[in-house]
Amino acid sequence: MQHESGIQALKILVQEAEQQRKLMLEVLKKIRLLSRSEKYAKNIVLLRTIPGVGLITAITFLVEIENIERFANTDNFAGFVGLVPNRHSSGPKTSDGEMTFRGQKMLKSLLVESSWTAARTDPALIMSYHSYVKRMEPNKAVVRIAKKVLNRMYFVLKNKMEYVPGVVK
């Protein structure tokens, strides 16, 4: 740095990064405290048994959905999150398109990111992912895996049972 203005700008950027880090640590502490509360603790333990679902994903889902009992089935749950295809229909003609733009954007993105991990660790999902990749691009295949992970989340929360990875023969 040859000029004083460059040095000052660098100091400001470093201070901003330090403040952002302190804020992130404070938010993480509050999330951990919330996750230990009576309302969420049991369900977070259950959700974290699913490969790819960590603390942030679990608490975000629980806070957003409030109560799993309000969803009659996995299709309603997928519609709430937004993991359903767009459907265009006119008279007898119908066509399904890409994933709908409706739904909970945060939940959808968290689920897709979690699905990348799940597709590498759960034996049944590994097999499904590889069969999907044979006929479509990986980004579309992981959306299909996200739907499977969402179904697992629904089952775990609805039945209050831990997820047990399937054994693939």
Protein backbone atom coordinates (compact mmCIF):
# COMPACT_ATOMS: atom_id res chain seq x y z
CA MET A 1 0.00 0.00 0.00
CA GLN A 2 1.59 3.21 -1.18
CA HIS A 3 -1.11 5.63 -0.02
CA GLU A 4 -2.72 6.28 3.34
CA SER A 5 -6.19 5.94 1.79
CA GLY A 6 -5.47 2.34 0.78
CA ILE A 7 -4.30 1.47 4.29
CA GLN A 8 -7.44 3.05 5.79
CA ALA A 9 -9.70 1.19 3.36
CA LEU A 10 -8.02 -2.10 4.27
CA LYS A 11 -8.44 -1.41 8.01
CA ILE A 12 -12.16 -0.68 7.46
CA LEU A 13 -12.61 -3.93 5.53
CA VAL A 14 -10.84 -5.92 8.27
CA GLN A 15 -13.05 -4.31 10.95
CA GLU A 16 -16.16 -5.12 8.93
CA ALA A 17 -15.09 -8.75 8.56
CA GLU A 18 -14.46 -9.00 12.32
CA GLN A 19 -17.89 -7.53 13.07
CA GLN A 20 -19.55 -9.97 10.68
CA ARG A 21 -17.76 -12.87 12.38
CA LYS A 22 -18.88 -11.71 15.84
CA LEU A 23 -22.45 -11.39 14.59
CA MET A 24 -22.37 -14.88 13.07
CA LEU A 25 -21.07 -16.35 16.34
CA GLU A 26 -23.83 -14.60 18.28
CA VAL A 27 -26.50 -15.91 15.90
CA LEU A 28 -25.08 -19.43 16.11
CA LYS A 29 -25.17 -19.30 19.92
CA LYS A 30 -28.84 -18.27 19.79
CA ILE A 31 -29.64 -21.05 17.32
CA ARG A 32 -27.98 -23.63 19.59
CA LEU A 33 -29.91 -22.27 22.58
CA LEU A 34 -33.18 -22.48 20.63
CA SER A 35 -32.36 -26.01 19.50
CA ARG A 36 -32.05 -27.11 23.13
CA SER A 37 -35.46 -25.70 24.06
CA GLU A 38 -38.21 -28.13 25.02
CA LYS A 39 -40.22 -27.31 21.91
CA TYR A 40 -37.52 -28.28 19.39
CA ALA A 41 -34.95 -30.55 21.09
CA LYS A 42 -36.58 -33.95 20.43
CA ASN A 43 -37.45 -33.20 16.80
CA ILE A 44 -33.97 -31.86 16.07
CA VAL A 45 -32.43 -35.07 17.37
CA LEU A 46 -34.77 -37.05 15.11
CA LEU A 47 -34.10 -34.92 12.02
CA ARG A 48 -30.36 -35.05 12.49
CA THR A 49 -30.45 -38.83 12.06
CA ILE A 50 -31.20 -38.21 8.37
CA PRO A 51 -27.99 -37.96 6.31
CA GLY A 52 -27.34 -34.40 5.14
CA VAL A 53 -29.58 -32.75 7.73
CA GLY A 54 -27.60 -30.71 10.22
CA LEU A 55 -28.49 -28.30 13.00
CA ILE A 56 -29.21 -25.28 10.78
CA THR A 57 -31.37 -27.24 8.35
CA ALA A 58 -33.27 -28.97 11.14
CA ILE A 59 -34.04 -25.84 13.17
CA THR A 60 -34.98 -23.86 10.06
CA PHE A 61 -37.46 -26.53 9.00
CA LEU A 62 -38.98 -26.82 12.45
CA VAL A 63 -39.37 -23.08 12.84
CA GLU A 64 -40.89 -22.68 9.37
CA ILE A 65 -43.31 -25.62 9.37
CA GLU A 66 -44.40 -25.12 13.01
CA ASN A 67 -46.36 -28.39 13.19
CA ILE A 68 -45.97 -31.41 10.90
CA GLU A 69 -49.53 -32.50 11.70
CA ARG A 70 -50.93 -29.75 9.48
CA PHE A 71 -49.72 -31.64 6.40
CA ALA A 72 -51.96 -34.55 5.44
CA ASN A 73 -49.30 -36.32 3.36
CA THR A 74 -45.88 -35.95 1.77
CA ASP A 75 -47.31 -34.32 -1.35
CA ASN A 76 -48.81 -31.49 0.70
CA PHE A 77 -45.51 -31.10 2.52
CA ALA A 78 -43.59 -30.99 -0.78
CA GLY A 79 -46.05 -28.41 -2.12
CA PHE A 80 -45.48 -26.21 0.94
CA VAL A 81 -41.72 -26.37 0.49
CA GLY A 82 -41.98 -25.94 -3.29
CA LEU A 83 -40.51 -29.23 -4.49
CA VAL A 84 -43.27 -29.86 -7.01
CA PRO A 85 -43.20 -29.25 -10.76
CA ASN A 86 -44.93 -26.37 -12.50
CA ARG A 87 -48.05 -27.60 -14.22
CA HIS A 88 -49.54 -25.84 -17.23
CA SER A 89 -52.92 -27.02 -18.46
CA SER A 90 -55.39 -25.84 -21.03
CA GLY A 91 -58.37 -28.09 -21.69
CA PRO A 92 -57.25 -31.69 -22.12
CA LYS A 93 -53.59 -30.71 -22.65
CA THR A 94 -51.31 -30.63 -19.60
CA SER A 95 -47.55 -30.29 -19.32
CA ASP A 96 -45.24 -30.46 -16.35
CA GLY A 97 -42.31 -28.11 -16.21
CA GLU A 98 -39.42 -27.31 -13.93
CA MET A 99 -39.66 -26.97 -10.16
CA THR A 100 -42.26 -24.38 -9.16
CA PHE A 101 -41.21 -20.90 -8.14
CA ARG A 102 -43.75 -21.03 -5.32
CA GLY A 103 -43.01 -22.38 -1.88
CA GLN A 104 -40.48 -21.57 0.78
CA LYS A 105 -37.30 -20.48 -0.98
CA MET A 106 -35.13 -20.84 2.12
CA LEU A 107 -36.38 -24.34 2.89
CA LYS A 108 -36.03 -25.38 -0.74
CA SER A 109 -32.43 -24.18 -0.98
CA LEU A 110 -31.46 -25.73 2.38
CA LEU A 111 -32.98 -29.02 1.33
CA VAL A 112 -31.19 -29.09 -2.02
CA GLU A 113 -27.86 -28.29 -0.35
CA SER A 114 -28.44 -31.01 2.26
CA SER A 115 -29.29 -33.43 -0.52
CA TRP A 116 -25.80 -33.16 -2.00
CA THR A 117 -24.44 -34.58 1.25
CA ALA A 118 -27.22 -37.14 1.55
CA ALA A 119 -26.53 -38.35 -1.99
CA ARG A 120 -22.96 -39.16 -0.93
CA THR A 121 -23.65 -40.82 2.44
CA ASP A 122 -26.98 -42.71 2.45
CA PRO A 123 -26.69 -46.03 0.56
CA ALA A 124 -30.24 -45.92 -0.87
CA LEU A 125 -29.83 -42.30 -1.96
CA ILE A 126 -26.43 -43.00 -3.51
CA MET A 127 -28.04 -45.69 -5.65
CA SER A 128 -30.97 -43.43 -6.59
CA TYR A 129 -28.69 -40.52 -7.43
CA HIS A 130 -26.54 -42.64 -9.74
CA SER A 131 -29.58 -44.01 -11.54
CA TYR A 132 -30.94 -40.48 -12.02
CA VAL A 133 -27.61 -39.14 -13.30
CA LYS A 134 -27.65 -41.72 -16.08
CA ARG A 135 -30.66 -40.01 -17.65
CA MET A 136 -30.46 -36.37 -16.46
CA GLU A 137 -27.98 -33.75 -15.37
CA PRO A 138 -26.69 -33.84 -11.78
CA ASN A 139 -28.50 -30.65 -10.66
CA LYS A 140 -31.84 -32.10 -11.66
CA ALA A 141 -30.98 -35.44 -10.08
CA VAL A 142 -30.23 -33.79 -6.75
CA VAL A 143 -33.66 -32.14 -6.77
CA ARG A 144 -35.15 -35.63 -6.99
CA ILE A 145 -32.96 -36.65 -4.07
CA ALA A 146 -34.18 -33.56 -2.19
CA LYS A 147 -37.74 -34.81 -2.57
CA LYS A 148 -36.67 -38.16 -1.09
CA VAL A 149 -34.93 -36.41 1.82
CA LEU A 150 -38.07 -34.32 2.38
CA ASN A 151 -40.16 -37.51 2.49
CA ARG A 152 -37.75 -38.91 5.08
CA MET A 153 -38.10 -35.74 7.15
CA TYR A 154 -41.87 -36.01 7.01
CA PHE A 155 -41.79 -39.67 8.08
CA VAL A 156 -39.39 -39.02 10.96
CA LEU A 157 -41.40 -36.09 12.31
CA LYS A 158 -44.80 -37.69 11.82
CA ASN A 159 -43.90 -41.05 13.37
CA LYS A 160 -41.40 -39.76 15.97
CA MET A 161 -38.89 -42.41 14.90
CA GLU A 162 -35.20 -42.09 14.11
CA TYR A 163 -34.19 -42.56 10.49
CA VAL A 164 -32.39 -45.82 9.80
CA PRO A 165 -30.45 -45.87 6.52
CA GLY A 166 -31.51 -48.68 4.24
CA VAL A 167 -29.13 -51.45 3.32
CA VAL A 168 -28.69 -51.80 -0.42
CA LYS A 169 -27.91 -55.26 -1.79
